[in-house]
PDB file of all heavy atoms in Angstrom:
ATOM      1  N   MET A   1     -16.028  -5.722  35.591  1.00  0.00           N
ATOM      2  CA  MET A   1     -15.268  -6.072  36.789  1.00  0.00           C
ATOM      3  C   MET A   1     -14.967  -7.568  36.792  1.00  0.00           C
ATOM      4  O   MET A   1     -13.838  -7.984  37.073  1.00  0.00           O
ATOM      5  CB  MET A   1     -16.047  -5.693  38.057  1.00  0.00           C
ATOM      6  CG  MET A   1     -15.558  -6.363  39.304  1.00  0.00           C
ATOM      7  SD  MET A   1     -14.563  -5.432  40.458  1.00  0.00           S
ATOM      8  CE  MET A   1     -15.308  -3.883  40.628  1.00  0.00           C
ATOM      9  N   ILE A   2     -15.969  -8.380  36.461  1.00  0.00           N
ATOM     10  CA  ILE A   2     -15.759  -9.833  36.433  1.00  0.00           C
ATOM     11  C   ILE A   2     -14.731 -10.190  35.366  1.00  0.00           C
ATOM     12  O   ILE A   2     -13.838 -11.010  35.609  1.00  0.00           O
ATOM     13  CB  ILE A   2     -17.089 -10.573  36.213  1.00  0.00           C
ATOM     14  CG1 ILE A   2     -18.001 -10.366  37.434  1.00  0.00           C
ATOM     15  CG2 ILE A   2     -16.845 -12.069  35.955  1.00  0.00           C
ATOM     16  CD1 ILE A   2     -19.407 -10.857  37.272  1.00  0.00           C
ATOM     17  N   GLN A   3     -14.830  -9.570  34.191  1.00  0.00           N
ATOM     18  CA  GLN A   3     -13.869  -9.869  33.135  1.00  0.00           C
ATOM     19  C   GLN A   3     -12.447  -9.493  33.578  1.00  0.00           C
ATOM     20  O   GLN A   3     -11.496 -10.216  33.280  1.00  0.00           O
ATOM     21  CB  GLN A   3     -14.240  -9.161  31.840  1.00  0.00           C
ATOM     22  CG  GLN A   3     -13.435  -9.692  30.671  1.00  0.00           C
ATOM     23  CD  GLN A   3     -14.075  -9.406  29.325  1.00  0.00           C
ATOM     24  OE1 GLN A   3     -15.177  -8.841  29.254  1.00  0.00           O
ATOM     25  NE2 GLN A   3     -13.414  -9.797  28.266  1.00  0.00           N
ATOM     26  N   GLN A   4     -12.313  -8.407  34.319  1.00  0.00           N
ATOM     27  CA  GLN A   4     -11.000  -8.020  34.845  1.00  0.00           C
ATOM     28  C   GLN A   4     -10.506  -9.014  35.898  1.00  0.00           C
ATOM     29  O   GLN A   4      -9.296  -9.163  36.090  1.00  0.00           O
ATOM     30  CB  GLN A   4     -11.055  -6.621  35.440  1.00  0.00           C
ATOM     31  CG  GLN A   4     -11.227  -5.528  34.412  1.00  0.00           C
ATOM     32  CD  GLN A   4     -11.463  -4.164  35.053  1.00  0.00           C
ATOM     33  OE1 GLN A   4     -11.356  -4.000  36.263  1.00  0.00           O
ATOM     34  NE2 GLN A   4     -11.806  -3.180  34.230  1.00  0.00           N
ATOM     35  N   MET A   5     -11.435  -9.685  36.582  1.00  0.00           N
ATOM     36  CA  MET A   5     -11.072 -10.644  37.625  1.00  0.00           C
ATOM     37  C   MET A   5     -10.724 -12.024  37.057  1.00  0.00           C
ATOM     38  O   MET A   5     -10.083 -12.827  37.745  1.00  0.00           O
ATOM     39  CB  MET A   5     -12.218 -10.783  38.634  1.00  0.00           C
ATOM     40  CG  MET A   5     -12.398  -9.553  39.482  1.00  0.00           C
ATOM     41  SD  MET A   5     -13.874  -9.510  40.555  1.00  0.00           S
ATOM     42  CE  MET A   5     -14.280 -11.170  40.885  1.00  0.00           C
ATOM     43  N   LEU A   6     -11.120 -12.332  35.822  1.00  0.00           N
ATOM     44  CA  LEU A   6     -10.876 -13.657  35.248  1.00  0.00           C
ATOM     45  C   LEU A   6      -9.405 -14.089  35.323  1.00  0.00           C
ATOM     46  O   LEU A   6      -9.134 -15.253  35.653  1.00  0.00           O
ATOM     47  CB  LEU A   6     -11.397 -13.742  33.808  1.00  0.00           C
ATOM     48  CG  LEU A   6     -12.915 -13.791  33.644  1.00  0.00           C
ATOM     49  CD1 LEU A   6     -13.277 -13.810  32.155  1.00  0.00           C
ATOM     50  CD2 LEU A   6     -13.527 -14.976  34.368  1.00  0.00           C
ATOM     51  N   PRO A   7      -8.425 -13.207  35.052  1.00  0.00           N
ATOM     52  CA  PRO A   7      -7.029 -13.647  35.157  1.00  0.00           C
ATOM     53  C   PRO A   7      -6.617 -14.055  36.572  1.00  0.00           C
ATOM     54  O   PRO A   7      -5.602 -14.719  36.749  1.00  0.00           O
ATOM     55  CB  PRO A   7      -6.229 -12.419  34.694  1.00  0.00           C
ATOM     56  CG  PRO A   7      -7.166 -11.671  33.809  1.00  0.00           C
ATOM     57  CD  PRO A   7      -8.525 -11.875  34.448  1.00  0.00           C
ATOM     58  N   MET A   8      -7.391 -13.695  37.571  1.00  0.00           N
ATOM     59  CA  MET A   8      -7.131 -14.131  38.943  1.00  0.00           C
ATOM     60  C   MET A   8      -7.952 -15.377  39.273  1.00  0.00           C
ATOM     61  O   MET A   8      -7.456 -16.306  39.904  1.00  0.00           O
ATOM     62  CB  MET A   8      -7.466 -12.992  39.916  1.00  0.00           C
ATOM     63  CG  MET A   8      -7.132 -13.282  41.341  1.00  0.00           C
ATOM     64  SD  MET A   8      -5.349 -13.329  41.579  1.00  0.00           S
ATOM     65  CE  MET A   8      -5.280 -13.909  43.260  1.00  0.00           C
ATOM     66  N   ILE A   9      -9.200 -15.397  38.830  1.00  0.00           N
ATOM     67  CA  ILE A   9     -10.101 -16.505  39.169  1.00  0.00           C
ATOM     68  C   ILE A   9      -9.648 -17.810  38.519  1.00  0.00           C
ATOM     69  O   ILE A   9      -9.585 -18.851  39.185  1.00  0.00           O
ATOM     70  CB  ILE A   9     -11.552 -16.184  38.756  1.00  0.00           C
ATOM     71  CG1 ILE A   9     -12.080 -15.000  39.572  1.00  0.00           C
ATOM     72  CG2 ILE A   9     -12.447 -17.401  38.926  1.00  0.00           C
ATOM     73  CD1 ILE A   9     -13.424 -14.464  39.094  1.00  0.00           C
ATOM     74  N   VAL A  10      -9.346 -17.780  37.222  1.00  0.00           N
ATOM     75  CA  VAL A  10      -9.022 -19.024  36.505  1.00  0.00           C
ATOM     76  C   VAL A  10      -7.795 -19.727  37.092  1.00  0.00           C
ATOM     77  O   VAL A  10      -7.856 -20.930  37.353  1.00  0.00           O
ATOM     78  CB  VAL A  10      -8.892 -18.766  34.985  1.00  0.00           C
ATOM     79  CG1 VAL A  10      -8.346 -19.990  34.266  1.00  0.00           C
ATOM     80  CG2 VAL A  10     -10.252 -18.360  34.401  1.00  0.00           C
ATOM     81  N   PRO A  11      -6.668 -19.020  37.368  1.00  0.00           N
ATOM     82  CA  PRO A  11      -5.538 -19.728  37.983  1.00  0.00           C
ATOM     83  C   PRO A  11      -5.871 -20.332  39.354  1.00  0.00           C
ATOM     84  O   PRO A  11      -5.369 -21.408  39.699  1.00  0.00           O
ATOM     85  CB  PRO A  11      -4.459 -18.648  38.112  1.00  0.00           C
ATOM     86  CG  PRO A  11      -4.794 -17.650  37.072  1.00  0.00           C
ATOM     87  CD  PRO A  11      -6.300 -17.651  36.995  1.00  0.00           C
ATOM     88  N   VAL A  12      -6.732 -19.657  40.116  1.00  0.00           N
ATOM     89  CA  VAL A  12      -7.124 -20.183  41.431  1.00  0.00           C
ATOM     90  C   VAL A  12      -7.934 -21.474  41.264  1.00  0.00           C
ATOM     91  O   VAL A  12      -7.704 -22.460  41.971  1.00  0.00           O
ATOM     92  CB  VAL A  12      -7.895 -19.117  42.252  1.00  0.00           C
ATOM     93  CG1 VAL A  12      -8.577 -19.727  43.462  1.00  0.00           C
ATOM     94  CG2 VAL A  12      -6.954 -18.004  42.676  1.00  0.00           C
ATOM     95  N   VAL A  13      -8.864 -21.492  40.312  1.00  0.00           N
ATOM     96  CA  VAL A  13      -9.630 -22.714  40.040  1.00  0.00           C
ATOM     97  C   VAL A  13      -8.672 -23.827  39.614  1.00  0.00           C
ATOM     98  O   VAL A  13      -8.757 -24.961  40.107  1.00  0.00           O
ATOM     99  CB  VAL A  13     -10.718 -22.470  38.964  1.00  0.00           C
ATOM    100  CG1 VAL A  13     -11.344 -23.784  38.510  1.00  0.00           C
ATOM    101  CG2 VAL A  13     -11.786 -21.515  39.494  1.00  0.00           C
ATOM    102  N   LEU A  14      -7.743 -23.521  38.724  1.00  0.00           N
ATOM    103  CA  LEU A  14      -6.777 -24.527  38.259  1.00  0.00           C
ATOM    104  C   LEU A  14      -5.877 -24.992  39.402  1.00  0.00           C
ATOM    105  O   LEU A  14      -5.502 -26.164  39.467  1.00  0.00           O
ATOM    106  CB  LEU A  14      -5.950 -23.978  37.093  1.00  0.00           C
ATOM    107  CG  LEU A  14      -6.738 -23.643  35.825  1.00  0.00           C
ATOM    108  CD1 LEU A  14      -5.810 -23.020  34.780  1.00  0.00           C
ATOM    109  CD2 LEU A  14      -7.466 -24.853  35.270  1.00  0.00           C
ATOM    110  N   ASN A  15      -5.545 -24.083  40.322  1.00  0.00           N
ATOM    111  CA  ASN A  15      -4.724 -24.441  41.477  1.00  0.00           C
ATOM    112  C   ASN A  15      -5.454 -25.454  42.352  1.00  0.00           C
ATOM    113  O   ASN A  15      -4.860 -26.410  42.858  1.00  0.00           O
ATOM    114  CB  ASN A  15      -4.375 -23.180  42.277  1.00  0.00           C
ATOM    115  CG  ASN A  15      -3.240 -23.395  43.253  1.00  0.00           C
ATOM    116  OD1 ASN A  15      -2.625 -24.454  43.322  1.00  0.00           O
ATOM    117  ND2 ASN A  15      -2.953 -22.369  44.020  1.00  0.00           N
ATOM    118  N   PHE A  16      -6.735 -25.256  42.530  1.00  0.00           N
ATOM    119  CA  PHE A  16      -7.549 -26.200  43.287  1.00  0.00           C
ATOM    120  C   PHE A  16      -7.470 -27.581  42.629  1.00  0.00           C
ATOM    121  O   PHE A  16      -7.309 -28.599  43.292  1.00  0.00           O
ATOM    122  CB  PHE A  16      -9.003 -25.718  43.309  1.00  0.00           C
ATOM    123  CG  PHE A  16      -9.657 -25.849  44.642  1.00  0.00           C
ATOM    124  CD1 PHE A  16      -9.632 -24.806  45.538  1.00  0.00           C
ATOM    125  CD2 PHE A  16     -10.304 -27.008  44.998  1.00  0.00           C
ATOM    126  CE1 PHE A  16     -10.248 -24.909  46.768  1.00  0.00           C
ATOM    127  CE2 PHE A  16     -10.921 -27.126  46.226  1.00  0.00           C
ATOM    128  CZ  PHE A  16     -10.886 -26.078  47.117  1.00  0.00           C
ATOM    129  N   LEU A  17      -7.581 -27.600  41.298  1.00  0.00           N
ATOM    130  CA  LEU A  17      -7.551 -28.861  40.559  1.00  0.00           C
ATOM    131  C   LEU A  17      -6.170 -29.516  40.591  1.00  0.00           C
ATOM    132  O   LEU A  17      -6.057 -30.737  40.536  1.00  0.00           O
ATOM    133  CB  LEU A  17      -7.988 -28.630  39.112  1.00  0.00           C
ATOM    134  CG  LEU A  17      -9.398 -28.070  38.941  1.00  0.00           C
ATOM    135  CD1 LEU A  17      -9.678 -27.795  37.473  1.00  0.00           C
ATOM    136  CD2 LEU A  17     -10.442 -29.005  39.535  1.00  0.00           C
ATOM    137  N   GLN A  18      -5.131 -28.703  40.705  1.00  0.00           N
ATOM    138  CA  GLN A  18      -3.756 -29.217  40.725  1.00  0.00           C
ATOM    139  C   GLN A  18      -3.483 -30.043  41.977  1.00  0.00           C
ATOM    140  O   GLN A  18      -2.596 -30.888  41.980  1.00  0.00           O
ATOM    141  CB  GLN A  18      -2.773 -28.041  40.632  1.00  0.00           C
ATOM    142  CG  GLN A  18      -1.312 -28.406  40.625  1.00  0.00           C
ATOM    143  CD  GLN A  18      -0.876 -29.160  39.370  1.00  0.00           C
ATOM    144  OE1 GLN A  18      -1.602 -29.228  38.389  1.00  0.00           O
ATOM    145  NE2 GLN A  18       0.285 -29.739  39.414  1.00  0.00           N
ATOM    146  N   SER A  19      -4.251 -29.841  43.037  1.00  0.00           N
ATOM    147  CA  SER A  19      -3.982 -30.521  44.306  1.00  0.00           C
ATOM    148  C   SER A  19      -3.976 -32.039  44.188  1.00  0.00           C
ATOM    149  O   SER A  19      -3.301 -32.718  44.953  1.00  0.00           O
ATOM    150  CB  SER A  19      -4.987 -30.081  45.377  1.00  0.00           C
ATOM    151  OG  SER A  19      -6.291 -30.518  45.043  1.00  0.00           O
ATOM    152  N   GLY A  20      -4.691 -32.593  43.219  1.00  0.00           N
ATOM    153  CA  GLY A  20      -4.759 -34.044  43.085  1.00  0.00           C
ATOM    154  C   GLY A  20      -3.685 -34.654  42.224  1.00  0.00           C
ATOM    155  O   GLY A  20      -3.624 -35.879  42.064  1.00  0.00           O
ATOM    156  N   ALA A  21      -2.799 -33.829  41.664  1.00  0.00           N
ATOM    157  CA  ALA A  21      -1.748 -34.356  40.785  1.00  0.00           C
ATOM    158  C   ALA A  21      -0.753 -35.182  41.588  1.00  0.00           C
ATOM    159  O   ALA A  21      -0.383 -34.833  42.711  1.00  0.00           O
ATOM    160  CB  ALA A  21      -1.039 -33.210  40.067  1.00  0.00           C
ATOM    161  N   SER A  22      -0.316 -36.252  40.991  1.00  0.00           N
ATOM    162  CA  SER A  22       0.680 -37.116  41.610  1.00  0.00           C
ATOM    163  C   SER A  22       2.019 -36.410  41.650  1.00  0.00           C
ATOM    164  O   SER A  22       2.407 -35.740  40.695  1.00  0.00           O
ATOM    165  CB  SER A  22       0.790 -38.417  40.804  1.00  0.00           C
ATOM    166  OG  SER A  22       1.890 -39.169  41.248  1.00  0.00           O
ATOM    167  N   THR A  23       2.750 -36.577  42.755  1.00  0.00           N
ATOM    168  CA  THR A  23       4.080 -35.981  42.850  1.00  0.00           C
ATOM    169  C   THR A  23       5.074 -36.736  41.980  1.00  0.00           C
ATOM    170  O   THR A  23       6.132 -36.217  41.646  1.00  0.00           O
ATOM    171  CB  THR A  23       4.586 -35.968  44.306  1.00  0.00           C
ATOM    172  OG1 THR A  23       4.545 -37.297  44.822  1.00  0.00           O
ATOM    173  CG2 THR A  23       3.737 -35.045  45.168  1.00  0.00           C
ATOM    174  N   ALA A  24       4.745 -37.959  41.590  1.00  0.00           N
ATOM    175  CA  ALA A  24       5.646 -38.778  40.775  1.00  0.00           C
ATOM    176  C   ALA A  24       5.236 -38.781  39.311  1.00  0.00           C
ATOM    177  O   ALA A  24       5.721 -39.579  38.525  1.00  0.00           O
ATOM    178  CB  ALA A  24       5.662 -40.208  41.325  1.00  0.00           C
ATOM    179  N   GLY A  25       4.320 -37.905  38.947  1.00  0.00           N
ATOM    180  CA  GLY A  25       3.805 -37.915  37.572  1.00  0.00           C
ATOM    181  C   GLY A  25       2.663 -38.907  37.483  1.00  0.00           C
ATOM    182  O   GLY A  25       2.504 -39.772  38.327  1.00  0.00           O
ATOM    183  N   GLY A  26       1.857 -38.770  36.488  1.00  0.00           N
ATOM    184  CA  GLY A  26       0.727 -39.677  36.353  1.00  0.00           C
ATOM    185  C   GLY A  26      -0.585 -38.970  36.559  1.00  0.00           C
ATOM    186  O   GLY A  26      -0.728 -37.812  36.217  1.00  0.00           O
ATOM    187  N   GLY A  27      -1.551 -39.655  37.143  1.00  0.00           N
ATOM    188  CA  GLY A  27      -2.920 -39.174  37.230  1.00  0.00           C
ATOM    189  C   GLY A  27      -3.139 -38.039  38.199  1.00  0.00           C
ATOM    190  O   GLY A  27      -2.265 -37.646  38.959  1.00  0.00           O
ATOM    191  N   ASN A  28      -4.367 -37.527  38.155  1.00  0.00           N
ATOM    192  CA  ASN A  28      -4.793 -36.436  39.032  1.00  0.00           C
ATOM    193  C   ASN A  28      -6.240 -36.722  39.413  1.00  0.00           C
ATOM    194  O   ASN A  28      -7.155 -36.474  38.642  1.00  0.00           O
ATOM    195  CB  ASN A  28      -4.661 -35.094  38.302  1.00  0.00           C
ATOM    196  CG  ASN A  28      -5.077 -33.916  39.158  1.00  0.00           C
ATOM    197  OD1 ASN A  28      -5.920 -34.037  40.036  1.00  0.00           O
ATOM    198  ND2 ASN A  28      -4.501 -32.765  38.876  1.00  0.00           N
ATOM    199  N   SER A  29      -6.434 -37.245  40.622  1.00  0.00           N
ATOM    200  CA  SER A  29      -7.767 -37.672  41.067  1.00  0.00           C
ATOM    201  C   SER A  29      -8.746 -36.503  41.173  1.00  0.00           C
ATOM    202  O   SER A  29      -9.930 -36.648  40.857  1.00  0.00           O
ATOM    203  CB  SER A  29      -7.670 -38.399  42.410  1.00  0.00           C
ATOM    204  OG  SER A  29      -7.100 -37.554  43.395  1.00  0.00           O
ATOM    205  N   VAL A  30      -8.279 -35.343  41.607  1.00  0.00           N
ATOM    206  CA  VAL A  30      -9.163 -34.187  41.750  1.00  0.00           C
ATOM    207  C   VAL A  30      -9.625 -33.712  40.372  1.00  0.00           C
ATOM    208  O   VAL A  30     -10.817 -33.474  40.154  1.00  0.00           O
ATOM    209  CB  VAL A  30      -8.475 -33.047  42.537  1.00  0.00           C
ATOM    210  CG1 VAL A  30      -9.324 -31.788  42.545  1.00  0.00           C
ATOM    211  CG2 VAL A  30      -8.175 -33.497  43.961  1.00  0.00           C
ATOM    212  N   LEU A  31      -8.705 -33.604  39.440  1.00  0.00           N
ATOM    213  CA  LEU A  31      -9.044 -33.186  38.082  1.00  0.00           C
ATOM    214  C   LEU A  31      -9.993 -34.194  37.436  1.00  0.00           C
ATOM    215  O   LEU A  31     -10.972 -33.807  36.800  1.00  0.00           O
ATOM    216  CB  LEU A  31      -7.774 -33.028  37.240  1.00  0.00           C
ATOM    217  CG  LEU A  31      -7.961 -32.597  35.789  1.00  0.00           C
ATOM    218  CD1 LEU A  31      -8.660 -31.241  35.699  1.00  0.00           C
ATOM    219  CD2 LEU A  31      -6.607 -32.548  35.082  1.00  0.00           C
ATOM    220  N   SER A  32      -9.744 -35.472  37.633  1.00  0.00           N
ATOM    221  CA  SER A  32     -10.623 -36.506  37.065  1.00  0.00           C
ATOM    222  C   SER A  32     -12.039 -36.401  37.614  1.00  0.00           C
ATOM    223  O   SER A  32     -13.011 -36.483  36.859  1.00  0.00           O
ATOM    224  CB  SER A  32     -10.064 -37.902  37.360  1.00  0.00           C
ATOM    225  OG  SER A  32      -8.850 -38.087  36.694  1.00  0.00           O
ATOM    226  N   THR A  33     -12.158 -36.194  38.921  1.00  0.00           N
ATOM    227  CA  THR A  33     -13.481 -36.040  39.529  1.00  0.00           C
ATOM    228  C   THR A  33     -14.182 -34.812  38.973  1.00  0.00           C
ATOM    229  O   THR A  33     -15.368 -34.853  38.643  1.00  0.00           O
ATOM    230  CB  THR A  33     -13.355 -35.925  41.068  1.00  0.00           C
ATOM    231  OG1 THR A  33     -12.774 -37.131  41.567  1.00  0.00           O
ATOM    232  CG2 THR A  33     -14.706 -35.704  41.725  1.00  0.00           C
ATOM    233  N   PHE A  34     -13.449 -33.719  38.840  1.00  0.00           N
ATOM    234  CA  PHE A  34     -14.001 -32.473  38.320  1.00  0.00           C
ATOM    235  C   PHE A  34     -14.495 -32.646  36.885  1.00  0.00           C
ATOM    236  O   PHE A  34     -15.586 -32.210  36.548  1.00  0.00           O
ATOM    237  CB  PHE A  34     -12.923 -31.394  38.397  1.00  0.00           C
ATOM    238  CG  PHE A  34     -13.368 -30.007  38.024  1.00  0.00           C
ATOM    239  CD1 PHE A  34     -14.238 -29.292  38.836  1.00  0.00           C
ATOM    240  CD2 PHE A  34     -12.892 -29.389  36.882  1.00  0.00           C
ATOM    241  CE1 PHE A  34     -14.622 -27.993  38.517  1.00  0.00           C
ATOM    242  CE2 PHE A  34     -13.266 -28.093  36.549  1.00  0.00           C
ATOM    243  CZ  PHE A  34     -14.144 -27.401  37.369  1.00  0.00           C
ATOM    244  N   LEU A  35     -13.717 -33.315  36.048  1.00  0.00           N
ATOM    245  CA  LEU A  35     -14.068 -33.454  34.636  1.00  0.00           C
ATOM    246  C   LEU A  35     -15.100 -34.542  34.370  1.00  0.00           C
ATOM    247  O   LEU A  35     -15.850 -34.454  33.401  1.00  0.00           O
ATOM    248  CB  LEU A  35     -12.816 -33.741  33.798  1.00  0.00           C
ATOM    249  CG  LEU A  35     -11.821 -32.604  33.726  1.00  0.00           C
ATOM    250  CD1 LEU A  35     -10.611 -33.031  32.905  1.00  0.00           C
ATOM    251  CD2 LEU A  35     -12.443 -31.351  33.154  1.00  0.00           C
ATOM    252  N   ASP A  36     -15.132 -35.550  35.217  1.00  0.00           N
ATOM    253  CA  ASP A  36     -16.040 -36.666  34.982  1.00  0.00           C
ATOM    254  C   ASP A  36     -17.424 -36.444  35.578  1.00  0.00           C
ATOM    255  O   ASP A  36     -18.234 -37.356  35.644  1.00  0.00           O
ATOM    256  CB  ASP A  36     -15.453 -37.975  35.542  1.00  0.00           C
ATOM    257  CG  ASP A  36     -14.273 -38.442  34.720  1.00  0.00           C
ATOM    258  OD1 ASP A  36     -14.130 -37.998  33.571  1.00  0.00           O
ATOM    259  OD2 ASP A  36     -13.489 -39.250  35.234  1.00  0.00           O
ATOM    260  N   SER A  37     -17.698 -35.220  35.978  1.00  0.00           N
ATOM    261  CA  SER A  37     -19.015 -34.889  36.507  1.00  0.00           C
ATOM    262  C   SER A  37     -20.084 -35.251  35.490  1.00  0.00           C
ATOM    263  O   SER A  37     -19.926 -35.050  34.297  1.00  0.00           O
ATOM    264  CB  SER A  37     -19.086 -33.394  36.813  1.00  0.00           C
ATOM    265  OG  SER A  37     -20.399 -33.015  37.074  1.00  0.00           O
ATOM    266  N   ASP A  38     -21.175 -35.778  35.994  1.00  0.00           N
ATOM    267  CA  ASP A  38     -22.272 -36.149  35.093  1.00  0.00           C
ATOM    268  C   ASP A  38     -23.238 -34.991  34.874  1.00  0.00           C
ATOM    269  O   ASP A  38     -24.314 -35.161  34.327  1.00  0.00           O
ATOM    270  CB  ASP A  38     -23.013 -37.375  35.627  1.00  0.00           C
ATOM    271  CG  ASP A  38     -23.588 -37.152  37.013  1.00  0.00           C
ATOM    272  OD1 ASP A  38     -23.499 -36.017  37.537  1.00  0.00           O
ATOM    273  OD2 ASP A  38     -24.127 -38.114  37.574  1.00  0.00           O
ATOM    274  N   GLY A  39     -22.836 -33.801  35.310  1.00  0.00           N
ATOM    275  CA  GLY A  39     -23.656 -32.626  35.070  1.00  0.00           C
ATOM    276  C   GLY A  39     -24.820 -32.466  36.029  1.00  0.00           C
ATOM    277  O   GLY A  39     -25.700 -31.652  35.818  1.00  0.00           O
ATOM    278  N   ASP A  40     -24.812 -33.225  37.128  1.00  0.00           N
ATOM    279  CA  ASP A  40     -25.939 -33.133  38.059  1.00  0.00           C
ATOM    280  C   ASP A  40     -25.769 -32.029  39.101  1.00  0.00           C
ATOM    281  O   ASP A  40     -26.598 -31.876  39.984  1.00  0.00           O
ATOM    282  CB  ASP A  40     -26.172 -34.477  38.751  1.00  0.00           C
ATOM    283  CG  ASP A  40     -25.032 -34.897  39.660  1.00  0.00           C
ATOM    284  OD1 ASP A  40     -24.030 -34.158  39.765  1.00  0.00           O
ATOM    285  OD2 ASP A  40     -25.153 -35.966  40.277  1.00  0.00           O
ATOM    286  N   GLY A  41     -24.688 -31.276  38.979  1.00  0.00           N
ATOM    287  CA  GLY A  41     -24.485 -30.157  39.894  1.00  0.00           C
ATOM    288  C   GLY A  41     -23.761 -30.524  41.169  1.00  0.00           C
ATOM    289  O   GLY A  41     -23.529 -29.669  42.014  1.00  0.00           O
ATOM    290  N   ASP A  42     -23.383 -31.793  41.343  1.00  0.00           N
ATOM    291  CA  ASP A  42     -22.707 -32.209  42.563  1.00  0.00           C
ATOM    292  C   ASP A  42     -21.279 -31.685  42.650  1.00  0.00           C
ATOM    293  O   ASP A  42     -20.754 -31.532  43.731  1.00  0.00           O
ATOM    294  CB  ASP A  42     -22.677 -33.739  42.672  1.00  0.00           C
ATOM    295  CG  ASP A  42     -24.035 -34.307  43.029  1.00  0.00           C
ATOM    296  OD1 ASP A  42     -24.921 -33.530  43.443  1.00  0.00           O
ATOM    297  OD2 ASP A  42     -24.207 -35.513  42.893  1.00  0.00           O
ATOM    298  N   VAL A  43     -20.650 -31.472  41.523  1.00  0.00           N
ATOM    299  CA  VAL A  43     -19.279 -30.992  41.520  1.00  0.00           C
ATOM    300  C   VAL A  43     -19.309 -29.489  41.300  1.00  0.00           C
ATOM    301  O   VAL A  43     -19.661 -29.018  40.236  1.00  0.00           O
ATOM    302  CB  VAL A  43     -18.455 -31.693  40.414  1.00  0.00           C
ATOM    303  CG1 VAL A  43     -17.059 -31.124  40.374  1.00  0.00           C
ATOM    304  CG2 VAL A  43     -18.418 -33.188  40.663  1.00  0.00           C
ATOM    305  N   ASP A  44     -18.964 -28.748  42.329  1.00  0.00           N
ATOM    306  CA  ASP A  44     -18.999 -27.300  42.265  1.00  0.00           C
ATOM    307  C   ASP A  44     -17.772 -26.761  42.970  1.00  0.00           C
ATOM    308  O   ASP A  44     -17.573 -27.021  44.153  1.00  0.00           O
ATOM    309  CB  ASP A  44     -20.284 -26.800  42.928  1.00  0.00           C
ATOM    310  CG  ASP A  44     -20.463 -25.311  42.782  1.00  0.00           C
ATOM    311  OD1 ASP A  44     -19.518 -24.564  43.136  1.00  0.00           O
ATOM    312  OD2 ASP A  44     -21.533 -24.885  42.331  1.00  0.00           O
ATOM    313  N   ILE A  45     -16.964 -26.028  42.247  1.00  0.00           N
ATOM    314  CA  ILE A  45     -15.713 -25.511  42.788  1.00  0.00           C
ATOM    315  C   ILE A  45     -15.953 -24.591  43.984  1.00  0.00           C
ATOM    316  O   ILE A  45     -15.200 -24.618  44.948  1.00  0.00           O
ATOM    317  CB  ILE A  45     -14.871 -24.832  41.678  1.00  0.00           C
ATOM    318  CG1 ILE A  45     -13.408 -24.760  42.079  1.00  0.00           C
ATOM    319  CG2 ILE A  45     -15.402 -23.474  41.316  1.00  0.00           C
ATOM    320  CD1 ILE A  45     -12.675 -26.040  41.891  1.00  0.00           C
TER     321      ILE A  45
END
C-alpha cells in the first residue's frame, strides 16, 4: 500500500519544498533548509 502511495507522497513533499523558490529564479530557502539539515531530527516534513 505504501509503495502504491509513493507516486502521490513524493510530489507532495516536493511541492512543500517548492514553496521557497524565488519567483524571479534563483535560490530556494525552504529547499536549502531542508537539505542543509545536520541530521539532528529538527527538520521533518
